[in-house]
């Protein structure tokens, strides 16, 4: 991940998770963005080729939070644009491998 503005939420509550992701699976490259309704308004959910979601403000590059995505959430995210849209096989495999090999990356709320 390049240098970007990050939220207080990350600094205060999620810094350890960001470091853990950086040192294990990495952030990778954004392969798809989804605009969704967040807790405080619309946000961009940017999914990367390493199975990470970077949630950003809608009109800026400010990062609100980052987490390793679970497969059921990834499938649901892809279906937000089209009910029959399928997650790419390579990403599917990556996420499944993350869940099996790195369960410590997944918080109880994500």
N, C-alpha and C. Protein backbone atom coordinates (compact mmCIF):
# COMPACT_ATOMS: atom_id res chain seq x y z
N UNK A 1 0.86 -1.17 0.00
CA UNK A 1 0.00 0.00 0.00
C UNK A 1 0.90 1.22 0.00
N UNK A 2 0.60 2.17 -0.85
CA UNK A 2 1.38 3.39 -0.89
C UNK A 2 0.98 4.29 0.27
N UNK A 3 1.77 5.32 0.50
CA UNK A 3 1.48 6.25 1.59
C UNK A 3 0.15 6.95 1.32
N UNK A 4 -0.76 6.83 2.28
CA UNK A 4 -2.09 7.43 2.14
C UNK A 4 -2.54 7.96 3.49
N UNK A 5 -3.52 8.85 3.44
CA UNK A 5 -4.11 9.34 4.68
C UNK A 5 -4.95 8.22 5.27
N UNK A 6 -4.83 8.01 6.59
CA UNK A 6 -5.61 6.96 7.24
C UNK A 6 -6.45 7.55 8.37
N UNK A 7 -7.50 6.84 8.69
CA UNK A 7 -8.45 7.30 9.70
C UNK A 7 -7.92 7.12 11.11
N UNK A 8 -8.52 7.83 12.03
CA UNK A 8 -8.20 7.66 13.45
C UNK A 8 -8.57 6.24 13.90
N UNK A 9 -9.60 5.68 13.32
CA UNK A 9 -10.01 4.31 13.64
C UNK A 9 -8.84 3.35 13.44
N UNK A 10 -8.13 3.50 12.34
CA UNK A 10 -6.98 2.62 12.09
C UNK A 10 -5.89 2.88 13.12
N UNK A 11 -5.58 4.14 13.33
CA UNK A 11 -4.50 4.49 14.26
C UNK A 11 -4.80 3.99 15.67
N UNK A 12 -6.03 4.16 16.11
CA UNK A 12 -6.37 3.81 17.49
C UNK A 12 -6.75 2.34 17.68
N UNK A 13 -7.40 1.74 16.68
CA UNK A 13 -7.97 0.41 16.87
C UNK A 13 -7.44 -0.69 15.95
N UNK A 14 -6.90 -0.34 14.81
CA UNK A 14 -6.58 -1.37 13.82
C UNK A 14 -5.15 -1.38 13.31
N UNK A 15 -4.27 -0.66 13.96
CA UNK A 15 -2.89 -0.59 13.50
C UNK A 15 -2.21 -1.97 13.52
N UNK A 16 -2.45 -2.74 14.57
CA UNK A 16 -1.85 -4.07 14.66
C UNK A 16 -2.31 -4.95 13.48
N UNK A 17 -3.60 -4.88 13.15
CA UNK A 17 -4.11 -5.67 12.02
C UNK A 17 -3.47 -5.22 10.71
N UNK A 18 -3.28 -3.93 10.53
CA UNK A 18 -2.65 -3.44 9.30
C UNK A 18 -1.22 -3.96 9.18
N UNK A 19 -0.49 -3.97 10.27
CA UNK A 19 0.88 -4.47 10.26
C UNK A 19 0.89 -5.98 9.99
N UNK A 20 -0.03 -6.70 10.62
CA UNK A 20 -0.13 -8.14 10.43
C UNK A 20 -0.41 -8.48 8.96
N UNK A 21 -1.33 -7.76 8.34
CA UNK A 21 -1.63 -7.98 6.92
C UNK A 21 -0.39 -7.67 6.08
N UNK A 22 0.25 -6.55 6.37
CA UNK A 22 1.43 -6.15 5.59
C UNK A 22 2.55 -7.18 5.67
N UNK A 23 2.71 -7.81 6.83
CA UNK A 23 3.83 -8.73 7.02
C UNK A 23 3.49 -10.19 6.71
N UNK A 24 2.24 -10.47 6.38
CA UNK A 24 1.89 -11.86 6.06
C UNK A 24 1.44 -12.00 4.61
N UNK A 25 0.27 -11.49 4.26
CA UNK A 25 -0.23 -11.67 2.89
C UNK A 25 0.01 -10.47 2.00
N UNK A 26 0.29 -9.32 2.58
CA UNK A 26 0.52 -8.10 1.80
C UNK A 26 -0.78 -7.49 1.31
N UNK A 27 -0.67 -6.27 0.84
CA UNK A 27 -1.87 -5.56 0.38
C UNK A 27 -2.19 -5.83 -1.08
N UNK A 28 -1.20 -6.12 -1.89
CA UNK A 28 -1.45 -6.44 -3.29
C UNK A 28 -1.94 -5.25 -4.08
N UNK A 29 -2.62 -5.55 -5.17
CA UNK A 29 -3.14 -4.52 -6.07
C UNK A 29 -4.66 -4.59 -6.10
N UNK A 30 -5.29 -3.42 -6.13
CA UNK A 30 -6.75 -3.36 -6.20
C UNK A 30 -7.19 -3.93 -7.54
N UNK A 31 -8.12 -4.89 -7.48
CA UNK A 31 -8.63 -5.49 -8.72
C UNK A 31 -10.08 -5.11 -8.99
N UNK A 32 -10.78 -4.63 -7.96
CA UNK A 32 -12.18 -4.23 -8.15
C UNK A 32 -12.60 -3.31 -7.02
N UNK A 33 -13.43 -2.34 -7.36
CA UNK A 33 -13.99 -1.43 -6.35
C UNK A 33 -15.50 -1.52 -6.37
N UNK A 34 -16.07 -1.44 -5.19
CA UNK A 34 -17.52 -1.47 -5.02
C UNK A 34 -17.93 -0.27 -4.19
N UNK A 35 -18.97 0.42 -4.59
CA UNK A 35 -19.52 1.50 -3.78
C UNK A 35 -20.66 0.89 -2.96
N UNK A 36 -20.54 1.01 -1.64
CA UNK A 36 -21.55 0.43 -0.75
C UNK A 36 -21.92 1.44 0.33
N UNK A 37 -23.00 1.17 1.01
CA UNK A 37 -23.42 2.01 2.12
C UNK A 37 -22.66 1.61 3.36
N UNK A 38 -21.91 2.53 3.91
CA UNK A 38 -21.17 2.28 5.14
C UNK A 38 -21.94 2.78 6.34
N UNK A 39 -21.34 2.67 7.48
CA UNK A 39 -21.98 3.09 8.73
C UNK A 39 -22.31 4.59 8.72
N UNK A 40 -21.44 5.39 8.09
CA UNK A 40 -21.62 6.85 8.08
C UNK A 40 -21.84 7.42 6.68
N UNK A 41 -22.24 6.59 5.73
CA UNK A 41 -22.46 7.04 4.36
C UNK A 41 -21.81 6.09 3.37
N UNK A 42 -21.85 6.47 2.11
CA UNK A 42 -21.29 5.61 1.07
C UNK A 42 -19.77 5.60 1.13
N UNK A 43 -19.21 4.42 0.86
CA UNK A 43 -17.77 4.21 0.86
C UNK A 43 -17.39 3.38 -0.36
N UNK A 44 -16.09 3.34 -0.63
CA UNK A 44 -15.56 2.46 -1.68
C UNK A 44 -14.87 1.28 -1.00
N UNK A 45 -15.29 0.09 -1.34
CA UNK A 45 -14.62 -1.11 -0.85
C UNK A 45 -13.74 -1.61 -1.98
N UNK A 46 -12.45 -1.53 -1.78
CA UNK A 46 -11.47 -1.90 -2.80
C UNK A 46 -10.91 -3.27 -2.45
N UNK A 47 -11.18 -4.26 -3.28
CA UNK A 47 -10.68 -5.61 -3.01
C UNK A 47 -9.40 -5.82 -3.80
N UNK A 48 -8.41 -6.42 -3.13
CA UNK A 48 -7.11 -6.62 -3.76
C UNK A 48 -6.90 -8.09 -4.14
N UNK A 49 -5.88 -8.31 -4.95
CA UNK A 49 -5.58 -9.67 -5.41
C UNK A 49 -5.03 -10.57 -4.30
N UNK A 50 -4.77 -10.01 -3.12
CA UNK A 50 -4.32 -10.83 -1.99
C UNK A 50 -5.46 -11.15 -1.02
N UNK A 51 -6.69 -10.73 -1.36
CA UNK A 51 -7.84 -11.02 -0.52
C UNK A 51 -8.02 -10.03 0.61
N UNK A 52 -7.59 -8.80 0.39
CA UNK A 52 -7.72 -7.74 1.39
C UNK A 52 -8.74 -6.73 0.88
N UNK A 53 -9.52 -6.18 1.80
CA UNK A 53 -10.44 -5.09 1.45
C UNK A 53 -9.92 -3.82 2.11
N UNK A 54 -9.78 -2.80 1.29
CA UNK A 54 -9.39 -1.48 1.77
C UNK A 54 -10.62 -0.60 1.62
N UNK A 55 -11.16 -0.14 2.74
CA UNK A 55 -12.35 0.70 2.68
C UNK A 55 -11.90 2.15 2.72
N UNK A 56 -12.33 2.90 1.69
CA UNK A 56 -11.94 4.31 1.55
C UNK A 56 -13.17 5.19 1.52
N UNK A 57 -12.95 6.45 1.86
CA UNK A 57 -14.02 7.43 1.69
C UNK A 57 -14.42 7.45 0.22
N UNK A 58 -15.65 7.84 -0.05
CA UNK A 58 -16.18 7.78 -1.40
C UNK A 58 -15.41 8.66 -2.39
N UNK A 59 -15.10 9.88 -1.99
CA UNK A 59 -14.50 10.82 -2.95
C UNK A 59 -13.04 11.16 -2.67
N UNK A 60 -12.41 10.48 -1.72
CA UNK A 60 -11.00 10.74 -1.44
C UNK A 60 -10.27 9.40 -1.34
N UNK A 61 -8.99 9.48 -1.12
CA UNK A 61 -8.18 8.27 -0.94
C UNK A 61 -7.97 7.93 0.53
N UNK A 62 -8.67 8.63 1.42
CA UNK A 62 -8.51 8.36 2.85
C UNK A 62 -9.00 6.95 3.17
N UNK A 63 -8.13 6.18 3.83
CA UNK A 63 -8.43 4.80 4.20
C UNK A 63 -9.14 4.78 5.55
N UNK A 64 -10.32 4.20 5.57
CA UNK A 64 -11.11 4.11 6.80
C UNK A 64 -10.71 2.88 7.60
N UNK A 65 -10.61 1.74 6.93
CA UNK A 65 -10.18 0.51 7.59
C UNK A 65 -9.71 -0.49 6.53
N UNK A 66 -9.05 -1.52 7.00
CA UNK A 66 -8.50 -2.57 6.13
C UNK A 66 -8.69 -3.90 6.83
N UNK A 67 -9.07 -4.93 6.07
CA UNK A 67 -9.17 -6.25 6.68
C UNK A 67 -9.06 -7.34 5.60
N UNK A 68 -8.68 -8.54 6.04
CA UNK A 68 -8.69 -9.72 5.17
C UNK A 68 -10.14 -10.17 5.05
N UNK A 69 -10.58 -10.36 3.84
CA UNK A 69 -12.00 -10.68 3.61
C UNK A 69 -12.25 -12.17 3.69
N UNK A 70 -13.39 -12.53 4.20
CA UNK A 70 -13.84 -13.93 4.21
C UNK A 70 -14.55 -14.22 2.90
N UNK A 71 -14.57 -15.47 2.50
CA UNK A 71 -15.11 -15.84 1.20
C UNK A 71 -16.59 -15.49 1.06
N UNK A 72 -17.38 -15.71 2.12
CA UNK A 72 -18.81 -15.40 2.00
C UNK A 72 -19.04 -13.90 1.81
N UNK A 73 -18.22 -13.07 2.44
CA UNK A 73 -18.34 -11.62 2.26
C UNK A 73 -17.90 -11.20 0.87
N UNK A 74 -16.85 -11.83 0.34
CA UNK A 74 -16.38 -11.51 -1.00
C UNK A 74 -17.44 -11.85 -2.05
N UNK A 75 -18.06 -13.01 -1.90
CA UNK A 75 -19.11 -13.42 -2.84
C UNK A 75 -20.26 -12.42 -2.79
N UNK A 76 -20.67 -12.03 -1.59
CA UNK A 76 -21.76 -11.06 -1.44
C UNK A 76 -21.39 -9.71 -2.05
N UNK A 77 -20.15 -9.30 -1.88
CA UNK A 77 -19.70 -8.03 -2.44
C UNK A 77 -19.76 -8.05 -3.96
N UNK A 78 -19.32 -9.13 -4.56
CA UNK A 78 -19.38 -9.24 -6.02
C UNK A 78 -20.83 -9.24 -6.52
N UNK A 79 -21.72 -9.77 -5.74
CA UNK A 79 -23.13 -9.82 -6.15
C UNK A 79 -23.86 -8.50 -5.97
N UNK A 80 -23.22 -7.51 -5.33
CA UNK A 80 -23.89 -6.22 -5.16
C UNK A 80 -24.07 -5.51 -6.50
N UNK A 81 -23.19 -5.78 -7.46
CA UNK A 81 -23.30 -5.14 -8.78
C UNK A 81 -24.22 -5.91 -9.71
N UNK A 82 -24.18 -7.21 -9.64
CA UNK A 82 -25.01 -8.06 -10.49
C UNK A 82 -25.25 -9.37 -9.75
N UNK A 83 -26.51 -9.79 -9.62
CA UNK A 83 -26.82 -11.00 -8.84
C UNK A 83 -26.08 -12.25 -9.30
N UNK A 84 -25.73 -12.32 -10.57
CA UNK A 84 -25.06 -13.52 -11.08
C UNK A 84 -23.56 -13.36 -11.25
N UNK A 85 -23.02 -12.21 -10.81
CA UNK A 85 -21.58 -12.01 -10.96
C UNK A 85 -20.82 -12.96 -10.04
N UNK A 86 -19.77 -13.54 -10.59
CA UNK A 86 -18.98 -14.51 -9.83
C UNK A 86 -17.62 -13.92 -9.49
N UNK A 87 -17.13 -14.32 -8.35
CA UNK A 87 -15.81 -13.91 -7.92
C UNK A 87 -14.78 -14.63 -8.81
N UNK A 88 -13.73 -13.94 -9.25
CA UNK A 88 -12.71 -14.61 -10.08
C UNK A 88 -12.10 -15.81 -9.33
N UNK A 89 -11.86 -16.88 -10.07
CA UNK A 89 -11.36 -18.11 -9.47
C UNK A 89 -10.05 -17.92 -8.71
N UNK A 90 -9.15 -17.13 -9.27
CA UNK A 90 -7.86 -16.91 -8.61
C UNK A 90 -8.06 -16.21 -7.25
N UNK A 91 -8.94 -15.22 -7.20
CA UNK A 91 -9.22 -14.53 -5.95
C UNK A 91 -9.91 -15.47 -4.96
N UNK A 92 -10.83 -16.27 -5.45
CA UNK A 92 -11.53 -17.25 -4.62
C UNK A 92 -10.51 -18.16 -3.93
N UNK A 93 -9.59 -18.70 -4.71
CA UNK A 93 -8.57 -19.60 -4.18
C UNK A 93 -7.68 -18.89 -3.16
N UNK A 94 -7.30 -17.65 -3.44
CA UNK A 94 -6.47 -16.87 -2.53
C UNK A 94 -7.17 -16.68 -1.18
N UNK A 95 -8.44 -16.31 -1.22
CA UNK A 95 -9.19 -16.07 0.01
C UNK A 95 -9.34 -17.36 0.82
N UNK A 96 -9.66 -18.45 0.15
CA UNK A 96 -9.79 -19.75 0.83
C UNK A 96 -8.46 -20.12 1.49
N UNK A 97 -7.36 -19.92 0.78
CA UNK A 97 -6.04 -20.22 1.36
C UNK A 97 -5.73 -19.32 2.55
N UNK A 98 -6.12 -18.05 2.47
CA UNK A 98 -5.92 -17.15 3.61
C UNK A 98 -6.69 -17.65 4.83
N UNK A 99 -7.93 -18.08 4.61
CA UNK A 99 -8.75 -18.56 5.72
C UNK A 99 -8.16 -19.81 6.36
N UNK A 100 -7.61 -20.69 5.54
CA UNK A 100 -7.05 -21.94 6.06
C UNK A 100 -5.70 -21.73 6.75
N UNK A 101 -4.82 -20.98 6.10
CA UNK A 101 -3.44 -20.84 6.57
C UNK A 101 -3.23 -19.72 7.57
N UNK A 102 -4.12 -18.73 7.55
CA UNK A 102 -3.90 -17.54 8.39
C UNK A 102 -5.17 -17.12 9.11
N UNK A 103 -5.76 -17.99 9.92
CA UNK A 103 -7.01 -17.63 10.60
C UNK A 103 -6.86 -16.46 11.56
N UNK A 104 -5.63 -16.19 11.99
CA UNK A 104 -5.38 -15.06 12.91
C UNK A 104 -5.63 -13.71 12.26
N UNK A 105 -5.75 -13.68 10.92
CA UNK A 105 -5.99 -12.41 10.23
C UNK A 105 -7.44 -11.95 10.31
N UNK A 106 -8.33 -12.87 10.61
CA UNK A 106 -9.75 -12.57 10.53
C UNK A 106 -10.31 -12.24 11.91
N UNK A 107 -10.78 -11.00 12.02
CA UNK A 107 -11.38 -10.58 13.29
C UNK A 107 -12.75 -11.21 13.43
N UNK A 108 -13.28 -11.18 14.62
CA UNK A 108 -14.59 -11.77 14.86
C UNK A 108 -15.71 -10.95 14.23
N UNK A 109 -15.47 -9.66 13.96
CA UNK A 109 -16.51 -8.80 13.41
C UNK A 109 -16.46 -8.66 11.91
N UNK A 110 -15.43 -9.17 11.27
CA UNK A 110 -15.30 -9.01 9.83
C UNK A 110 -15.79 -10.23 9.10
